[in-house]
Amino acid sequence: MKMIRAIVRPEKSSLILNELMDAGYPAVTKIDVVGRGKQRGIKVGNIHYDELQKEMLMMVVEDEDKDEVVKIIAKNARTGDSGAYGDGKIFVSTVEEVYTISSGQNKL
């Protein structure tokens, strides 16, 4: 199994969540986060915003579904045709174990 964590613009998260639901991936955790990337924040006039609002979407999928989920997120998180700074990042990692709290069962 793979854990996918996507840091995206807040205004894109609803679209991404809807597309994931339509594709059959309803289980997602959404967390409000702040941060900055290569652009080191943003400057508007004389004010520098060091930390920008983002949302993290986190989900676990079967190995064979990883590419489709990453494609859905990337397509719907991108600003415009070629994207822009601040569109976000997608991180994929291997999940070694999963337990359901209510039953105590190991899902792997």
C-alpha atoms as a PDB file:
ATOM      1  CA  MET A   1       0.000   0.000   0.000  1.00  0.00           C
ATOM      2  CA  LYS A   2       1.052   3.617  -0.557  1.00  0.00           C
ATOM      3  CA  MET A   3       0.411   6.749   1.473  1.00  0.00           C
ATOM      4  CA  ILE A   4      -0.124   9.815  -0.665  1.00  0.00           C
ATOM      5  CA  ARG A   5       0.220  13.237   0.923  1.00  0.00           C
ATOM      6  CA  ALA A   6      -0.552  16.230  -1.258  1.00  0.00           C
ATOM      7  CA  ILE A   7       0.031  19.815  -0.184  1.00  0.00           C
ATOM      8  CA  VAL A   8      -2.298  21.944  -2.325  1.00  0.00           C
ATOM      9  CA  ARG A   9      -3.812  25.407  -2.582  1.00  0.00           C
ATOM     10  CA  PRO A  10      -6.937  25.642  -0.382  1.00  0.00           C
ATOM     11  CA  GLU A  11      -9.098  26.749  -3.310  1.00  0.00           C
ATOM     12  CA  LYS A  12      -8.206  23.540  -5.189  1.00  0.00           C
ATOM     13  CA  SER A  13      -8.989  20.993  -2.466  1.00  0.00           C
ATOM     14  CA  SER A  14     -12.760  20.733  -3.082  1.00  0.00           C
ATOM     15  CA  LEU A  15     -12.213  20.064  -6.778  1.00  0.00           C
ATOM     16  CA  ILE A  16      -9.561  17.441  -6.000  1.00  0.00           C
ATOM     17  CA  LEU A  17     -11.772  15.749  -3.381  1.00  0.00           C
ATOM     18  CA  ASN A  18     -14.727  15.639  -5.811  1.00  0.00           C
ATOM     19  CA  GLU A  19     -12.590  14.132  -8.576  1.00  0.00           C
ATOM     20  CA  LEU A  20     -11.143  11.530  -6.200  1.00  0.00           C
ATOM     21  CA  MET A  21     -14.666  10.619  -5.022  1.00  0.00           C
ATOM     22  CA  ASP A  22     -15.910  10.289  -8.613  1.00  0.00           C
ATOM     23  CA  ALA A  23     -12.944   8.024  -9.425  1.00  0.00           C
ATOM     24  CA  GLY A  24     -13.740   5.734  -6.484  1.00  0.00           C
ATOM     25  CA  TYR A  25     -11.319   7.061  -3.855  1.00  0.00           C
ATOM     26  CA  PRO A  26     -13.551   8.517  -1.108  1.00  0.00           C
ATOM     27  CA  ALA A  27     -11.242   8.014   1.909  1.00  0.00           C
ATOM     28  CA  VAL A  28      -9.188  11.181   2.403  1.00  0.00           C
ATOM     29  CA  THR A  29      -8.013  13.117   5.447  1.00  0.00           C
ATOM     30  CA  LYS A  30      -7.835  16.901   4.947  1.00  0.00           C
ATOM     31  CA  ILE A  31      -5.666  19.029   7.233  1.00  0.00           C
ATOM     32  CA  ASP A  32      -5.191  22.812   7.190  1.00  0.00           C
ATOM     33  CA  VAL A  33      -1.460  23.568   7.107  1.00  0.00           C
ATOM     34  CA  VAL A  34       0.841  26.541   6.547  1.00  0.00           C
ATOM     35  CA  GLY A  35       4.206  26.612   4.884  1.00  0.00           C
ATOM     36  CA  ARG A  36       6.372  27.915   2.111  1.00  0.00           C
ATOM     37  CA  GLY A  37       8.257  26.480  -0.816  1.00  0.00           C
ATOM     38  CA  LYS A  38      11.083  27.644  -3.034  1.00  0.00           C
ATOM     39  CA  GLN A  39       9.459  31.048  -3.376  1.00  0.00           C
ATOM     40  CA  ARG A  40      10.054  31.633   0.377  1.00  0.00           C
ATOM     41  CA  GLY A  41       6.586  33.040   0.907  1.00  0.00           C
ATOM     42  CA  ILE A  42       5.106  35.979  -0.941  1.00  0.00           C
ATOM     43  CA  LYS A  43       5.585  39.742  -0.803  1.00  0.00           C
ATOM     44  CA  VAL A  44       2.626  42.054  -1.331  1.00  0.00           C
ATOM     45  CA  GLY A  45       3.668  45.688  -1.211  1.00  0.00           C
ATOM     46  CA  ASN A  46       5.813  46.111   1.890  1.00  0.00           C
ATOM     47  CA  ILE A  47       4.351  43.062   3.631  1.00  0.00           C
ATOM     48  CA  HIS A  48       6.107  39.696   3.438  1.00  0.00           C
ATOM     49  CA  TYR A  49       3.977  36.614   4.124  1.00  0.00           C
ATOM     50  CA  ASP A  50       6.404  33.953   5.301  1.00  0.00           C
ATOM     51  CA  GLU A  51       3.840  31.184   5.729  1.00  0.00           C
ATOM     52  CA  LEU A  52       1.062  30.549   3.221  1.00  0.00           C
ATOM     53  CA  GLN A  53      -2.219  28.720   3.819  1.00  0.00           C
ATOM     54  CA  LYS A  54      -2.305  25.270   2.217  1.00  0.00           C
ATOM     55  CA  GLU A  55      -4.255  22.067   2.718  1.00  0.00           C
ATOM     56  CA  MET A  56      -2.785  18.605   3.052  1.00  0.00           C
ATOM     57  CA  LEU A  57      -4.767  15.730   1.602  1.00  0.00           C
ATOM     58  CA  MET A  58      -3.654  12.384   2.967  1.00  0.00           C
ATOM     59  CA  MET A  59      -4.785   8.955   1.827  1.00  0.00           C
ATOM     60  CA  VAL A  60      -3.684   5.341   1.618  1.00  0.00           C
ATOM     61  CA  VAL A  61      -4.292   3.390  -1.596  1.00  0.00           C
ATOM     62  CA  GLU A  62      -3.367   0.041  -3.064  1.00  0.00           C
ATOM     63  CA  ASP A  63      -0.052   0.006  -4.944  1.00  0.00           C
ATOM     64  CA  GLU A  64      -1.784  -0.405  -8.305  1.00  0.00           C
ATOM     65  CA  ASP A  65      -3.949   2.715  -7.698  1.00  0.00           C
ATOM     66  CA  LYS A  66      -1.070   5.062  -6.866  1.00  0.00           C
ATOM     67  CA  ASP A  67      -0.421   6.358 -10.394  1.00  0.00           C
ATOM     68  CA  GLU A  68      -4.100   7.112 -11.037  1.00  0.00           C
ATOM     69  CA  VAL A  69      -4.527   8.963  -7.733  1.00  0.00           C
ATOM     70  CA  VAL A  70      -1.349  11.016  -8.257  1.00  0.00           C
ATOM     71  CA  LYS A  71      -2.535  11.906 -11.769  1.00  0.00           C
ATOM     72  CA  ILE A  72      -5.967  13.033 -10.491  1.00  0.00           C
ATOM     73  CA  ILE A  73      -4.411  15.193  -7.776  1.00  0.00           C
ATOM     74  CA  ALA A  74      -1.772  16.747 -10.052  1.00  0.00           C
ATOM     75  CA  LYS A  75      -4.264  17.514 -12.820  1.00  0.00           C
ATOM     76  CA  ASN A  76      -6.748  19.208 -10.501  1.00  0.00           C
ATOM     77  CA  ALA A  77      -4.213  21.001  -8.267  1.00  0.00           C
ATOM     78  CA  ARG A  78      -2.409  22.667 -11.181  1.00  0.00           C
ATOM     79  CA  THR A  79      -3.089  26.350 -11.821  1.00  0.00           C
ATOM     80  CA  GLY A  80      -3.604  27.041 -15.516  1.00  0.00           C
ATOM     81  CA  ASP A  81      -2.198  24.855 -18.286  1.00  0.00           C
ATOM     82  CA  SER A  82       1.421  24.825 -17.172  1.00  0.00           C
ATOM     83  CA  GLY A  83       1.086  25.333 -13.414  1.00  0.00           C
ATOM     84  CA  ALA A  84       2.556  28.013 -11.164  1.00  0.00           C
ATOM     85  CA  TYR A  85       4.755  28.395  -8.101  1.00  0.00           C
ATOM     86  CA  GLY A  86       2.795  27.434  -5.015  1.00  0.00           C
ATOM     87  CA  ASP A  87       0.621  24.771  -6.670  1.00  0.00           C
ATOM     88  CA  GLY A  88       1.993  22.256  -4.155  1.00  0.00           C
ATOM     89  CA  LYS A  89       3.731  18.919  -3.867  1.00  0.00           C
ATOM     90  CA  ILE A  90       2.721  15.259  -3.804  1.00  0.00           C
ATOM     91  CA  PHE A  91       4.621  12.841  -1.571  1.00  0.00           C
ATOM     92  CA  VAL A  92       4.307   9.052  -1.917  1.00  0.00           C
ATOM     93  CA  SER A  93       5.602   6.610   0.661  1.00  0.00           C
ATOM     94  CA  THR A  94       5.241   2.923   1.402  1.00  0.00           C
ATOM     95  CA  VAL A  95       2.885   1.870   4.210  1.00  0.00           C
ATOM     96  CA  GLU A  96       4.210  -1.044   6.234  1.00  0.00           C
ATOM     97  CA  GLU A  97       1.226  -1.708   8.490  1.00  0.00           C
ATOM     98  CA  VAL A  98      -2.396  -0.557   8.858  1.00  0.00           C
ATOM     99  CA  TYR A  99      -4.641  -1.246  11.837  1.00  0.00           C
ATOM    100  CA  THR A 100      -8.343  -0.551  12.183  1.00  0.00           C
ATOM    101  CA  ILE A 101      -8.813   0.880  15.681  1.00  0.00           C
ATOM    102  CA  SER A 102     -12.354  -0.425  16.229  1.00  0.00           C
ATOM    103  CA  SER A 103     -11.525  -4.042  15.390  1.00  0.00           C
ATOM    104  CA  GLY A 104      -7.779  -4.104  16.037  1.00  0.00           C
ATOM    105  CA  GLN A 105      -7.318  -5.910  12.721  1.00  0.00           C
ATOM    106  CA  ASN A 106      -4.174  -5.536  10.687  1.00  0.00           C
ATOM    107  CA  LYS A 107      -5.205  -4.671   7.105  1.00  0.00           C
ATOM    108  CA  LEU A 108      -2.001  -5.873   5.410  1.00  0.00           C
END
